[in-house]
Amino acid sequence: MYFERPPKRRSPLSYLFVALIGAIIGGIITAYIAPNYLYGKILPLPDIYKQNFPSSTSVQNINISPSDEISTVQAVAKKAMSSVVGITIIQVQRQFIWETEVEGIGSGVIVDSNGYILTNSHVVADGRAKSINVLFENGDTAEGRVLWNDPTLDIAIVKVDARGLPVADLGDSDILEVGEIAVAIGNPLGLEFQRTVTAGVISGLNRSIRTQDGNLMENLIQTDASINPGNSGGPLLNSKGEVIGINTAKVQTGEGLGFAIPINMIKPIIEEVISTGNFETVYMGIYGVEVEVYERQYGVNTGLDSGIIVWEVVEGSPADKAGIRAGDIVVKIDNEYIENMNRLKRVLYRYKIGDRANVTIVRDGRYIDVDLVFSHAR
């Protein structure tokens, strides 16, 4: 006998599953396939799209092309690479009764075709290096000697006997803006990684950091371009391949923080050393101490947050001729505030012998402006 099998009843869950799949497919068609491939081509564009999206003539298009940035960095590296040198030194260090020779490695940049090289003072052991060897891009080497250096500024100029060297273009660090491209070239981990190129942006301006020896360095350029100890003395470059700073330090407690000395601070030094073989800082003729130190040592309150208290004025010096006396507090020179002795020294680098400056002092609680003419140190 033949029995007809009764139809199988479907579970309500199966209908729910089919409905869910249909909704997903419909959503994809509505949200992606229709706007991109059907509307305006096969199907007419719905009014909702016309209302919510303005016409192409009113939309501001912002195009970012990674290839543009890459080619800029490549062009900068190609332009500046030949002017970057490696510097190795031998320094004698005394330990108890023994003397040991220690090797140091850094970077430098050629600033004059007749063998003048800009680097950091600490790269050449602050002028105490026993020997200095300079390695050029073509593999040639030359013995170098320090013409001038200043540990406070952390700048040195090394001279080699050479002619016709490739020279780096110097830019203008006074017009830098945060966000600009910054390219660093140097020897981050020794000569086996010589002329390594790292790129980033200008992260900050007018930064101040305190180095391991306690020296306060001010008005520095901050960049996120990777800078390691061997990069010291190498150039920081802008998008035109111009030197805008000399890499000088890296904060060891944080990644992505590199610093460079602005090139405009160094230009007068370079020019004078090339012209005369030396750079002579202008002379004020005062001995002094920071207000903060003075107040802490003697328990007095000057009423000022910063400045230099004059201990002694050298007879016949520019300060003496300007009428500055012991006990005066120097607070400003030509609108540049003088917070400490390092700041005073850096400000004086901007002046040449014979230049005039307006010096603001505080005497008996009153602010007084005096006219000072800089001269040679005695």
Protein backbone atom coordinates (compact mmCIF):
# COMPACT_ATOMS: atom_id res chain seq x y z
CA MET A 1 0.00 0.00 0.00
CA TYR A 2 1.31 3.48 -0.84
CA PHE A 3 1.14 6.17 1.79
CA GLU A 4 1.78 9.80 0.86
CA ARG A 5 4.30 11.42 3.20
CA PRO A 6 2.92 14.47 4.91
CA PRO A 7 4.72 17.76 4.11
CA LYS A 8 7.47 18.77 6.53
CA ARG A 9 6.70 21.83 8.56
CA ARG A 10 9.42 24.48 8.52
CA SER A 11 10.72 25.98 11.73
CA PRO A 12 10.02 29.70 12.32
CA LEU A 13 13.79 30.16 12.75
CA SER A 14 14.42 29.19 9.13
CA TYR A 15 12.10 31.95 7.91
CA LEU A 16 13.88 34.43 10.19
CA PHE A 17 17.29 33.33 8.84
CA VAL A 18 16.16 33.76 5.21
CA ALA A 19 14.77 37.21 6.01
CA LEU A 20 18.03 38.23 7.68
CA ILE A 21 20.13 37.13 4.68
CA GLY A 22 17.83 39.01 2.34
CA ALA A 23 18.10 42.16 4.39
CA ILE A 24 21.91 42.01 4.37
CA ILE A 25 22.04 41.51 0.59
CA GLY A 26 19.56 44.34 0.08
CA GLY A 27 21.56 46.64 2.31
CA ILE A 28 24.75 45.96 0.36
CA ILE A 29 23.01 46.67 -2.94
CA THR A 30 21.45 49.86 -1.58
CA ALA A 31 24.52 51.23 0.24
CA TYR A 32 27.38 50.26 -2.05
CA ILE A 33 26.51 48.67 -5.40
CA ALA A 34 23.69 51.04 -6.33
CA PRO A 35 25.49 54.35 -5.52
CA ASN A 36 28.74 53.26 -7.13
CA TYR A 37 27.69 51.19 -10.14
CA LEU A 38 23.95 51.60 -10.88
CA TYR A 39 22.77 55.12 -9.96
CA GLY A 40 23.53 57.63 -12.66
CA LYS A 41 24.58 54.86 -15.09
CA ILE A 42 21.80 52.27 -15.31
CA LEU A 43 19.27 53.61 -12.78
CA PRO A 44 18.38 57.31 -12.30
CA LEU A 45 20.04 59.02 -9.32
CA PRO A 46 17.52 59.26 -6.42
CA ASP A 47 16.68 62.72 -5.10
CA ILE A 48 18.09 61.92 -1.67
CA TYR A 49 21.60 61.70 -3.15
CA LYS A 50 21.10 64.97 -5.04
CA GLN A 51 20.06 66.73 -1.82
CA ASN A 52 22.73 65.39 0.50
CA PHE A 53 25.73 65.63 -1.81
CA PRO A 54 26.55 68.99 -3.48
CA SER A 55 27.67 69.12 -7.05
CA SER A 56 31.34 68.58 -7.90
CA THR A 57 31.83 72.26 -8.57
CA SER A 58 31.12 73.12 -4.90
CA VAL A 59 33.18 70.38 -3.27
CA GLN A 60 36.76 71.17 -2.16
CA ASN A 61 38.91 68.23 -3.21
CA ILE A 62 41.94 67.51 -1.00
CA ASN A 63 44.41 65.19 -2.67
CA ILE A 64 47.25 63.67 -0.65
CA SER A 65 49.81 61.79 -2.70
CA PRO A 66 52.39 59.82 -0.71
CA SER A 67 54.64 59.71 -3.76
CA ASP A 68 55.09 63.49 -3.55
CA GLU A 69 56.51 63.28 -0.03
CA ILE A 70 58.73 60.34 -0.87
CA SER A 71 60.18 62.10 -3.90
CA THR A 72 60.83 65.20 -1.80
CA VAL A 73 62.86 63.25 0.73
CA GLN A 74 64.73 61.49 -2.06
CA ALA A 75 65.53 64.82 -3.71
CA VAL A 76 66.72 66.32 -0.44
CA ALA A 77 68.97 63.32 0.24
CA LYS A 78 70.40 63.39 -3.28
CA LYS A 79 71.17 67.12 -3.04
CA ALA A 80 72.75 67.13 0.43
CA MET A 81 74.34 63.69 0.76
CA SER A 82 77.75 64.59 -0.69
CA SER A 83 78.18 67.48 1.79
CA VAL A 84 77.72 65.22 4.86
CA VAL A 85 80.86 63.72 6.40
CA GLY A 86 81.68 61.18 9.06
CA ILE A 87 83.96 62.25 11.91
CA THR A 88 85.99 59.89 14.08
CA ILE A 89 88.18 61.05 16.94
CA ILE A 90 90.62 59.65 19.44
CA GLN A 91 90.31 61.11 22.92
CA VAL A 92 92.64 60.44 25.84
CA GLN A 93 90.84 59.76 29.10
CA ARG A 94 92.60 59.54 32.46
CA GLN A 95 91.48 56.93 34.98
CA PHE A 96 93.40 57.13 38.24
CA ILE A 97 97.04 56.81 37.10
CA TRP A 98 96.25 55.26 33.69
CA GLU A 99 95.46 56.92 30.41
CA THR A 100 93.26 55.21 27.85
CA GLU A 101 92.43 56.17 24.29
CA VAL A 102 88.73 56.21 23.48
CA GLU A 103 87.22 56.47 20.00
CA GLY A 104 84.26 58.70 19.27
CA ILE A 105 82.07 58.93 16.17
CA GLY A 106 79.84 61.70 14.89
CA SER A 107 78.77 63.58 11.80
CA GLY A 108 79.44 66.93 10.17
CA VAL A 109 78.47 69.06 7.18
CA ILE A 110 80.70 70.97 4.78
CA VAL A 111 79.97 74.71 4.82
CA ASP A 112 82.83 75.94 2.65
CA SER A 113 84.56 74.28 -0.31
CA ASN A 114 87.99 75.01 1.15
CA GLY A 115 87.61 72.47 3.93
CA TYR A 116 85.45 74.09 6.63
CA ILE A 117 83.18 71.59 8.38
CA LEU A 118 80.45 72.34 10.90
CA THR A 119 79.76 69.86 13.70
CA ASN A 120 79.00 69.65 17.43
CA SER A 121 81.54 70.61 20.06
CA HIS A 122 80.99 67.33 21.90
CA VAL A 123 81.75 65.38 18.69
CA VAL A 124 85.35 66.70 18.86
CA ALA A 125 85.52 66.22 22.66
CA ASP A 126 85.04 69.97 23.16
CA GLY A 127 88.35 70.64 21.44
CA ARG A 128 90.32 68.06 23.43
CA ALA A 129 90.45 65.35 20.76
CA LYS A 130 93.93 63.87 20.25
CA SER A 131 93.20 63.24 16.57
CA ILE A 132 90.32 63.93 14.18
CA ASN A 133 89.66 62.01 10.99
CA VAL A 134 87.06 63.11 8.42
CA LEU A 135 85.50 60.64 5.98
CA PHE A 136 83.97 61.98 2.76
CA GLU A 137 81.26 60.43 0.60
CA ASN A 138 83.72 59.29 -2.07
CA GLY A 139 85.72 57.34 0.51
CA ASP A 140 88.56 59.85 0.89
CA THR A 141 89.76 60.73 4.38
CA ALA A 142 91.56 63.76 5.75
CA GLU A 143 92.99 64.84 9.08
CA GLY A 144 91.05 67.62 10.75
CA ARG A 145 91.79 70.24 13.38
CA VAL A 146 89.44 72.34 15.49
CA LEU A 147 89.48 76.04 14.60
CA TRP A 148 86.76 77.08 17.03
CA ASN A 149 84.32 75.45 19.45
CA ASP A 150 81.98 76.33 22.28
CA PRO A 151 80.58 73.63 24.62
CA THR A 152 77.71 75.89 25.73
CA LEU A 153 76.44 76.32 22.19
CA ASP A 154 77.66 72.79 21.31
CA ILE A 155 79.12 73.95 18.01
CA ALA A 156 82.57 73.43 16.51
CA ILE A 157 84.20 74.22 13.19
CA VAL A 158 86.77 71.73 11.91
CA LYS A 159 89.25 72.47 9.12
CA VAL A 160 90.76 69.97 6.68
CA ASP A 161 93.30 70.67 3.96
CA ALA A 162 91.14 70.23 0.89
CA ARG A 163 89.76 72.23 -2.03
CA GLY A 164 86.67 71.99 -4.19
CA LEU A 165 84.53 70.16 -1.64
CA PRO A 166 80.73 69.93 -2.14
CA VAL A 167 79.06 72.55 0.04
CA ALA A 168 75.64 72.39 1.69
CA ASP A 169 73.18 75.24 1.15
CA LEU A 170 72.22 77.06 4.35
CA GLY A 171 68.54 77.85 4.88
CA ASP A 172 66.65 80.31 7.07
CA SER A 173 65.69 78.84 10.45
CA ASP A 174 63.76 81.98 11.43
CA ILE A 175 60.90 81.19 9.03
CA LEU A 176 60.32 77.57 10.07
CA GLU A 177 56.80 76.42 10.88
CA VAL A 178 55.61 73.41 12.82
CA GLY A 179 54.60 70.60 10.46
CA GLU A 180 57.21 71.26 7.77
CA ILE A 181 59.20 68.32 6.39
CA ALA A 182 62.50 67.71 8.19
CA VAL A 183 65.23 65.37 6.95
CA ALA A 184 68.22 64.30 9.04
CA ILE A 185 71.39 62.78 7.58
CA GLY A 186 74.19 61.30 9.67
CA ASN A 187 75.86 58.21 11.09
CA PRO A 188 73.39 57.07 13.78
CA LEU A 189 75.19 53.90 14.89
CA GLY A 190 78.70 54.37 13.54
CA LEU A 191 80.33 54.50 10.14
CA GLU A 192 78.86 51.15 9.11
CA PHE A 193 75.54 53.04 8.92
CA GLN A 194 77.02 56.23 7.53
CA ARG A 195 74.81 58.79 5.80
CA THR A 196 71.58 57.28 7.04
CA VAL A 197 68.54 59.33 6.01
CA THR A 198 65.57 59.75 8.34
CA ALA A 199 62.55 61.95 7.68
CA GLY A 200 59.79 63.52 9.73
CA VAL A 201 58.44 66.96 10.49
CA ILE A 202 59.27 69.99 12.58
CA SER A 203 57.51 69.08 15.83
CA GLY A 204 58.23 72.25 17.79
CA LEU A 205 60.27 75.45 17.90
CA ASN A 206 62.13 77.37 20.63
CA ARG A 207 62.51 74.27 22.80
CA SER A 208 64.78 74.15 25.86
CA ILE A 209 66.45 70.99 27.14
CA ARG A 210 68.99 70.29 29.85
CA THR A 211 71.83 68.01 28.78
CA GLN A 212 73.48 65.32 30.90
CA ASP A 213 76.25 67.71 31.96
CA GLY A 214 73.66 70.17 33.29
CA ASN A 215 73.98 72.65 30.43
CA LEU A 216 70.70 74.30 29.41
CA MET A 217 70.30 74.51 25.63
CA GLU A 218 67.66 76.92 24.39
CA ASN A 219 65.81 77.95 21.22
CA LEU A 220 66.22 74.48 19.72
CA ILE A 221 64.30 72.96 16.82
CA GLN A 222 62.37 69.81 17.78
CA THR A 223 61.79 67.11 15.18
CA ASP A 224 60.42 63.58 15.10
CA ALA A 225 62.99 62.56 12.46
CA SER A 226 64.98 59.77 14.13
CA ILE A 227 68.21 61.15 15.64
CA ASN A 228 70.69 58.95 17.50
CA PRO A 229 74.04 59.88 19.13
CA GLY A 230 76.02 59.28 15.92
CA ASN A 231 73.79 61.81 14.11
CA SER A 232 75.27 64.55 16.27
CA GLY A 233 76.84 67.24 14.11
CA GLY A 234 74.91 66.20 11.00
CA PRO A 235 72.46 68.50 9.22
CA LEU A 236 68.72 68.86 9.64
CA LEU A 237 67.33 69.86 6.24
CA ASN A 238 64.15 71.40 4.91
CA SER A 239 62.20 70.35 1.79
CA LYS A 240 64.60 72.39 -0.39
CA GLY A 241 67.62 70.46 0.85
CA GLU A 242 68.88 73.47 2.84
CA VAL A 243 70.48 73.14 6.27
CA ILE A 244 68.12 74.57 8.88
CA GLY A 245 69.85 73.13 11.93
CA ILE A 246 72.67 71.01 13.32
CA ASN A 247 71.49 67.89 15.14
CA THR A 248 72.73 68.03 18.69
CA ALA A 249 70.92 65.83 21.19
CA LYS A 250 68.32 63.15 21.72
CA VAL A 251 66.16 62.84 24.81
CA GLN A 252 66.90 59.37 26.11
CA THR A 253 63.62 59.05 28.02
CA GLY A 254 61.29 59.44 25.05
CA GLU A 255 61.14 58.27 21.47
CA GLY A 256 60.58 60.61 18.56
CA LEU A 257 62.24 63.61 20.21
CA GLY A 258 65.25 64.98 18.37
CA PHE A 259 66.74 68.46 18.62
CA ALA A 260 68.82 70.72 16.40
CA ILE A 261 70.57 74.07 16.83
CA PRO A 262 69.00 76.65 14.45
CA ILE A 263 71.39 77.49 11.63
CA ASN A 264 70.72 81.25 11.86
CA MET A 265 72.32 81.22 15.31
CA ILE A 266 75.47 79.74 13.79
CA LYS A 267 75.78 81.71 10.54
CA PRO A 268 77.71 84.69 12.02
CA ILE A 269 80.19 82.28 13.59
CA ILE A 270 80.73 80.41 10.30
CA GLU A 271 81.29 83.63 8.38
CA GLU A 272 83.83 85.03 10.82
CA VAL A 273 85.76 81.78 11.24
CA ILE A 274 86.06 81.40 7.46
CA SER A 275 87.07 85.05 7.14
CA THR A 276 89.52 85.34 10.05
CA GLY A 277 90.17 81.78 11.24
CA ASN A 278 88.49 82.44 14.59
CA PHE A 279 85.36 83.81 16.18
CA GLU A 280 85.68 86.31 18.98
CA THR A 281 82.68 86.81 21.23
CA VAL A 282 81.88 90.43 22.01
CA TYR A 283 82.73 91.67 25.47
CA MET A 284 80.56 93.38 28.09
CA GLY A 285 82.95 93.41 31.04
CA ILE A 286 80.78 92.12 33.88
CA TYR A 287 80.93 89.27 36.37
CA GLY A 288 77.58 88.13 37.64
CA VAL A 289 75.26 85.41 38.91
CA GLU A 290 71.67 84.40 38.17
CA VAL A 291 68.95 85.98 40.31
CA GLU A 292 67.64 82.54 41.28
CA VAL A 293 71.07 81.42 42.53
CA TYR A 294 71.66 84.68 44.38
CA GLU A 295 68.31 84.52 46.18
CA ARG A 296 68.82 80.89 47.16
CA GLN A 297 72.33 81.43 48.50
CA TYR A 298 71.69 84.65 50.43
CA GLY A 299 68.03 84.26 51.35
CA VAL A 300 66.97 87.57 49.82
CA ASN A 301 64.10 88.48 47.55
CA THR A 302 64.93 90.72 44.60
CA GLY A 303 61.35 90.82 43.39
CA LEU A 304 62.44 89.42 40.01
CA ASP A 305 61.96 85.97 38.51
CA SER A 306 65.11 86.11 36.36
CA GLY A 307 68.11 88.21 35.39
CA ILE A 308 71.84 88.56 36.07
CA ILE A 309 73.01 90.31 39.23
CA VAL A 310 76.26 92.15 38.50
CA TRP A 311 78.98 91.29 41.02
CA GLU A 312 81.75 93.33 39.45
CA VAL A 313 82.25 95.66 36.49
CA VAL A 314 85.65 95.67 34.78
CA GLU A 315 87.15 99.16 34.68
CA GLY A 316 87.16 100.66 31.20
CA SER A 317 84.90 97.91 29.80
CA PRO A 318 81.78 98.53 27.66
CA ALA A 319 79.61 97.98 30.74
CA ASP A 320 81.68 100.49 32.73
CA LYS A 321 81.42 103.09 29.96
CA ALA A 322 77.66 102.50 29.74
CA GLY A 323 77.27 103.28 33.45
CA ILE A 324 76.45 99.79 34.70
CA ARG A 325 77.39 99.30 38.38
CA ALA A 326 77.87 96.42 40.78
CA GLY A 327 74.47 95.50 42.22
CA ASP A 328 72.58 96.26 39.01
CA ILE A 329 70.46 93.45 37.57
CA VAL A 330 70.65 92.92 33.80
CA VAL A 331 67.23 91.77 32.60
CA LYS A 332 67.18 92.49 28.87
CA ILE A 333 69.40 93.25 25.87
CA ASP A 334 67.61 94.68 22.82
CA ASN A 335 64.27 93.10 23.83
CA GLU A 336 65.88 89.71 24.53
CA TYR A 337 65.22 88.66 28.10
CA ILE A 338 68.33 87.47 29.97
CA GLU A 339 67.31 84.65 32.32
CA ASN A 340 70.75 83.21 33.07
CA MET A 341 74.44 83.33 32.12
CA ASN A 342 74.04 80.80 29.31
CA ARG A 343 71.28 82.92 27.82
CA LEU A 344 73.50 86.00 28.05
CA LYS A 345 76.30 84.18 26.27
CA ARG A 346 74.01 83.04 23.46
CA VAL A 347 72.60 86.53 22.96
CA LEU A 348 76.11 88.01 22.71
CA TYR A 349 76.86 85.70 19.76
CA ARG A 350 74.56 87.84 17.66
CA TYR A 351 76.71 90.94 17.98
CA LYS A 352 79.99 92.00 16.43
CA ILE A 353 82.70 94.32 17.67
CA GLY A 354 81.43 97.90 17.46
CA ASP A 355 77.71 97.00 17.54
CA ARG A 356 75.46 98.98 19.88
CA ALA A 357 72.83 97.50 22.16
CA ASN A 358 70.18 98.79 24.52
CA VAL A 359 70.64 97.12 27.91
CA THR A 360 67.80 97.17 30.44
CA ILE A 361 68.90 96.99 34.09
CA VAL A 362 67.07 97.15 37.41
CA ARG A 363 68.65 99.48 39.98
CA ASP A 364 67.01 100.11 43.35
CA GLY A 365 63.73 98.75 42.00
CA ARG A 366 63.73 101.05 38.95
CA TYR A 367 64.10 99.96 35.32
CA ILE A 368 66.82 101.88 33.48
CA ASP A 369 67.93 101.64 29.83
CA VAL A 370 71.58 102.23 29.00
CA ASP A 371 73.38 102.34 25.66
CA LEU A 372 76.33 99.92 25.36
CA VAL A 373 78.93 99.58 22.58
CA PHE A 374 80.60 96.15 22.36
CA SER A 375 84.36 95.87 22.12
CA HIS A 376 87.17 93.27 22.13
CA ALA A 377 87.81 91.37 25.31
CA ARG A 378 90.86 92.56 27.23
